[in-house]
Amino acid sequence: MTTTEETLKREIIELSDYDAAAEALNQLKHLNRELTENLTLDIIRNNKGDEYFQAFAFQTLYSLNIQKGIQLIKNPPEHLNTATLDAMIECTTVDSGIAADHPEVLEAAKILKETIRNLDAEKSHRMKDTIDWFLETYQNI
């Protein structure tokens, strides 16, 4: 691991400033994909940082490795927060165009549709625009 990668990793792990940690994560993804994937999974699975940082971590993971992102959708952490769920729904909606060639995207969309059905009113209201876009995009699943 290079000195730069080590510095970025430390910034992410310390989480003293969420914006700086998010920027470090964004830089690290261009330098060390595997390390970034591992860090993002750790952030989400172990509830590190606030919900917006975790949502950013999910988006980063999904952009690097769609399979690992979909695995998290299929097996979400117990503490899955609204912002991260919103990011999952948004990523899957954006990828609706590739769902025909990637059945795992469609499978993730089906899981998310069921999750949406079971949301309480407050969470549903908070994610209304993303949910509406998702439901419009995936009308037939």
C-alpha atoms as a PDB file:
ATOM      1  CA  MET A   1       0.000   0.000   0.000  1.00  0.00           C
ATOM      2  CA  THR A   2       1.371   3.418  -0.933  1.00  0.00           C
ATOM      3  CA  THR A   3       1.758   6.275   1.511  1.00  0.00           C
ATOM      4  CA  THR A   4      -1.122   8.098  -0.183  1.00  0.00           C
ATOM      5  CA  GLU A   5      -3.392   5.059   0.140  1.00  0.00           C
ATOM      6  CA  GLU A   6      -2.386   4.672   3.795  1.00  0.00           C
ATOM      7  CA  THR A   7      -3.182   8.353   4.484  1.00  0.00           C
ATOM      8  CA  LEU A   8      -6.580   8.100   2.755  1.00  0.00           C
ATOM      9  CA  LYS A   9      -7.409   4.887   4.610  1.00  0.00           C
ATOM     10  CA  ARG A  10      -6.557   6.534   7.943  1.00  0.00           C
ATOM     11  CA  GLU A  11      -8.801   9.516   7.094  1.00  0.00           C
ATOM     12  CA  ILE A  12     -11.675   7.123   6.354  1.00  0.00           C
ATOM     13  CA  ILE A  13     -11.174   4.966   9.439  1.00  0.00           C
ATOM     14  CA  GLU A  14     -10.784   7.875  11.862  1.00  0.00           C
ATOM     15  CA  LEU A  15     -14.014   9.527  10.657  1.00  0.00           C
ATOM     16  CA  SER A  16     -13.201  12.803  12.372  1.00  0.00           C
ATOM     17  CA  ASP A  17     -14.767  14.716   9.465  1.00  0.00           C
ATOM     18  CA  TYR A  18     -17.397  12.997   7.309  1.00  0.00           C
ATOM     19  CA  ASP A  19     -16.819  15.277   4.316  1.00  0.00           C
ATOM     20  CA  ALA A  20     -13.068  14.658   4.408  1.00  0.00           C
ATOM     21  CA  ALA A  21     -13.649  10.911   4.843  1.00  0.00           C
ATOM     22  CA  ALA A  22     -16.038  10.878   1.870  1.00  0.00           C
ATOM     23  CA  GLU A  23     -13.486  12.735  -0.241  1.00  0.00           C
ATOM     24  CA  ALA A  24     -10.788  10.287   0.857  1.00  0.00           C
ATOM     25  CA  LEU A  25     -13.046   7.380  -0.103  1.00  0.00           C
ATOM     26  CA  ASN A  26     -13.653   8.974  -3.484  1.00  0.00           C
ATOM     27  CA  GLN A  27      -9.913   9.391  -4.084  1.00  0.00           C
ATOM     28  CA  LEU A  28      -9.047   5.930  -2.815  1.00  0.00           C
ATOM     29  CA  LYS A  29     -11.456   4.231  -5.210  1.00  0.00           C
ATOM     30  CA  HIS A  30      -9.213   5.387  -8.074  1.00  0.00           C
ATOM     31  CA  LEU A  31      -6.060   4.107  -6.391  1.00  0.00           C
ATOM     32  CA  ASN A  32      -7.020   0.858  -4.709  1.00  0.00           C
ATOM     33  CA  ARG A  33     -10.331  -0.706  -5.681  1.00  0.00           C
ATOM     34  CA  GLU A  34     -10.089  -3.728  -3.373  1.00  0.00           C
ATOM     35  CA  LEU A  35      -9.246  -1.648  -0.309  1.00  0.00           C
ATOM     36  CA  THR A  36     -12.101   0.746  -1.088  1.00  0.00           C
ATOM     37  CA  GLU A  37     -14.569  -2.132  -1.432  1.00  0.00           C
ATOM     38  CA  ASN A  38     -13.461  -3.553   1.921  1.00  0.00           C
ATOM     39  CA  LEU A  39     -13.695  -0.183   3.648  1.00  0.00           C
ATOM     40  CA  THR A  40     -17.162   0.566   2.244  1.00  0.00           C
ATOM     41  CA  LEU A  41     -18.466  -2.829   3.317  1.00  0.00           C
ATOM     42  CA  ASP A  42     -17.054  -2.266   6.805  1.00  0.00           C
ATOM     43  CA  ILE A  43     -18.666   1.188   7.012  1.00  0.00           C
ATOM     44  CA  ILE A  44     -22.098  -0.130   6.055  1.00  0.00           C
ATOM     45  CA  ARG A  45     -22.052  -3.430   7.931  1.00  0.00           C
ATOM     46  CA  ASN A  46     -20.688  -1.910  11.128  1.00  0.00           C
ATOM     47  CA  ASN A  47     -22.774   1.269  11.131  1.00  0.00           C
ATOM     48  CA  LYS A  48     -19.802   3.654  10.928  1.00  0.00           C
ATOM     49  CA  GLY A  49     -20.407   7.334  10.414  1.00  0.00           C
ATOM     50  CA  ASP A  50     -23.761   8.981   9.902  1.00  0.00           C
ATOM     51  CA  GLU A  51     -26.427   7.711   7.536  1.00  0.00           C
ATOM     52  CA  TYR A  52     -25.353  10.019   4.701  1.00  0.00           C
ATOM     53  CA  PHE A  53     -21.758   8.828   4.901  1.00  0.00           C
ATOM     54  CA  GLN A  54     -23.004   5.238   4.840  1.00  0.00           C
ATOM     55  CA  ALA A  55     -25.190   6.034   1.819  1.00  0.00           C
ATOM     56  CA  PHE A  56     -22.152   7.517   0.060  1.00  0.00           C
ATOM     57  CA  ALA A  57     -20.179   4.394   0.964  1.00  0.00           C
ATOM     58  CA  PHE A  58     -22.904   2.234  -0.602  1.00  0.00           C
ATOM     59  CA  GLN A  59     -22.925   4.306  -3.799  1.00  0.00           C
ATOM     60  CA  THR A  60     -19.149   4.004  -3.961  1.00  0.00           C
ATOM     61  CA  LEU A  61     -19.281   0.239  -3.460  1.00  0.00           C
ATOM     62  CA  TYR A  62     -22.051  -0.180  -6.043  1.00  0.00           C
ATOM     63  CA  SER A  63     -20.105   1.842  -8.617  1.00  0.00           C
ATOM     64  CA  LEU A  64     -16.984  -0.260  -8.037  1.00  0.00           C
ATOM     65  CA  ASN A  65     -18.572  -3.688  -7.740  1.00  0.00           C
ATOM     66  CA  ILE A  66     -22.242  -4.020  -8.611  1.00  0.00           C
ATOM     67  CA  GLN A  67     -22.244  -7.650  -7.416  1.00  0.00           C
ATOM     68  CA  LYS A  68     -21.168  -6.678  -3.891  1.00  0.00           C
ATOM     69  CA  GLY A  69     -23.704  -3.842  -3.903  1.00  0.00           C
ATOM     70  CA  ILE A  70     -26.458  -6.255  -4.848  1.00  0.00           C
ATOM     71  CA  GLN A  71     -25.295  -8.681  -2.148  1.00  0.00           C
ATOM     72  CA  LEU A  72     -25.833  -5.896   0.394  1.00  0.00           C
ATOM     73  CA  ILE A  73     -29.317  -5.276  -1.007  1.00  0.00           C
ATOM     74  CA  LYS A  74     -30.091  -8.986  -0.665  1.00  0.00           C
ATOM     75  CA  ASN A  75     -28.572  -9.208   2.831  1.00  0.00           C
ATOM     76  CA  PRO A  76     -28.784  -5.719   4.346  1.00  0.00           C
ATOM     77  CA  PRO A  77     -27.402  -4.992   7.779  1.00  0.00           C
ATOM     78  CA  GLU A  78     -29.952  -4.996  10.609  1.00  0.00           C
ATOM     79  CA  HIS A  79     -29.437  -1.297  11.196  1.00  0.00           C
ATOM     80  CA  LEU A  80     -30.036  -0.250   7.557  1.00  0.00           C
ATOM     81  CA  ASN A  81     -30.819   3.450   7.653  1.00  0.00           C
ATOM     82  CA  THR A  82     -33.110   5.469   5.415  1.00  0.00           C
ATOM     83  CA  ALA A  83     -30.357   7.285   3.497  1.00  0.00           C
ATOM     84  CA  THR A  84     -28.572   4.037   2.616  1.00  0.00           C
ATOM     85  CA  LEU A  85     -31.831   2.369   1.593  1.00  0.00           C
ATOM     86  CA  ASP A  86     -32.569   5.422  -0.555  1.00  0.00           C
ATOM     87  CA  ALA A  87     -29.126   5.033  -2.185  1.00  0.00           C
ATOM     88  CA  MET A  88     -29.822   1.340  -2.856  1.00  0.00           C
ATOM     89  CA  ILE A  89     -33.148   2.174  -4.501  1.00  0.00           C
ATOM     90  CA  GLU A  90     -31.584   4.963  -6.552  1.00  0.00           C
ATOM     91  CA  CYS A  91     -28.656   2.837  -7.795  1.00  0.00           C
ATOM     92  CA  THR A  92     -31.002   0.041  -8.821  1.00  0.00           C
ATOM     93  CA  THR A  93     -33.313   2.495 -10.584  1.00  0.00           C
ATOM     94  CA  VAL A  94     -30.426   4.072 -12.490  1.00  0.00           C
ATOM     95  CA  ASP A  95     -29.392   0.584 -13.649  1.00  0.00           C
ATOM     96  CA  SER A  96     -32.879  -0.376 -14.847  1.00  0.00           C
ATOM     97  CA  GLY A  97     -31.617  -0.132 -18.418  1.00  0.00           C
ATOM     98  CA  ILE A  98     -29.201  -3.015 -17.893  1.00  0.00           C
ATOM     99  CA  ALA A  99     -31.645  -5.210 -15.959  1.00  0.00           C
ATOM    100  CA  ALA A 100     -32.484  -7.242 -19.077  1.00  0.00           C
ATOM    101  CA  ASP A 101     -28.845  -8.283 -19.449  1.00  0.00           C
ATOM    102  CA  HIS A 102     -28.158  -8.445 -15.711  1.00  0.00           C
ATOM    103  CA  PRO A 103     -30.881 -10.441 -13.951  1.00  0.00           C
ATOM    104  CA  GLU A 104     -29.267  -9.725 -10.577  1.00  0.00           C
ATOM    105  CA  VAL A 105     -30.319  -6.062 -10.950  1.00  0.00           C
ATOM    106  CA  LEU A 106     -33.906  -7.152 -11.507  1.00  0.00           C
ATOM    107  CA  GLU A 107     -33.668  -9.512  -8.538  1.00  0.00           C
ATOM    108  CA  ALA A 108     -32.398  -6.635  -6.364  1.00  0.00           C
ATOM    109  CA  ALA A 109     -35.271  -4.457  -7.627  1.00  0.00           C
ATOM    110  CA  LYS A 110     -37.781  -7.130  -6.572  1.00  0.00           C
ATOM    111  CA  ILE A 111     -36.261  -7.270  -3.088  1.00  0.00           C
ATOM    112  CA  LEU A 112     -36.340  -3.479  -2.835  1.00  0.00           C
ATOM    113  CA  LYS A 113     -39.951  -3.361  -4.003  1.00  0.00           C
ATOM    114  CA  GLU A 114     -40.895  -5.675  -1.144  1.00  0.00           C
ATOM    115  CA  THR A 115     -38.859  -3.548   1.274  1.00  0.00           C
ATOM    116  CA  ILE A 116     -40.704  -0.438   0.062  1.00  0.00           C
ATOM    117  CA  ARG A 117     -44.054  -2.142   0.655  1.00  0.00           C
ATOM    118  CA  ASN A 118     -43.087  -2.716   4.292  1.00  0.00           C
ATOM    119  CA  LEU A 119     -41.777   0.773   5.047  1.00  0.00           C
ATOM    120  CA  ASP A 120     -43.411   2.842   7.736  1.00  0.00           C
ATOM    121  CA  ALA A 121     -45.073   6.100   6.679  1.00  0.00           C
ATOM    122  CA  GLU A 122     -42.248   8.324   7.928  1.00  0.00           C
ATOM    123  CA  LYS A 123     -39.516   6.532   5.966  1.00  0.00           C
ATOM    124  CA  SER A 124     -41.739   6.258   2.920  1.00  0.00           C
ATOM    125  CA  HIS A 125     -42.420   9.987   3.025  1.00  0.00           C
ATOM    126  CA  ARG A 126     -38.748  10.790   3.474  1.00  0.00           C
ATOM    127  CA  MET A 127     -37.826   8.805   0.344  1.00  0.00           C
ATOM    128  CA  LYS A 128     -40.940   9.704  -1.662  1.00  0.00           C
ATOM    129  CA  ASP A 129     -39.236  11.022  -4.803  1.00  0.00           C
ATOM    130  CA  THR A 130     -36.818   8.102  -5.054  1.00  0.00           C
ATOM    131  CA  ILE A 131     -39.583   5.586  -4.380  1.00  0.00           C
ATOM    132  CA  ASP A 132     -41.888   7.184  -6.969  1.00  0.00           C
ATOM    133  CA  TRP A 133     -39.108   7.068  -9.577  1.00  0.00           C
ATOM    134  CA  PHE A 134     -38.343   3.440  -8.693  1.00  0.00           C
ATOM    135  CA  LEU A 135     -41.994   2.352  -8.851  1.00  0.00           C
ATOM    136  CA  GLU A 136     -42.481   4.131 -12.147  1.00  0.00           C
ATOM    137  CA  THR A 137     -39.350   2.508 -13.566  1.00  0.00           C
ATOM    138  CA  TYR A 138     -40.149  -0.984 -12.294  1.00  0.00           C
ATOM    139  CA  GLN A 139     -43.923  -1.046 -12.788  1.00  0.00           C
ATOM    140  CA  ASN A 140     -44.033  -4.646 -13.994  1.00  0.00           C
ATOM    141  CA  ILE A 141     -42.139  -6.478 -11.274  1.00  0.00           C
END
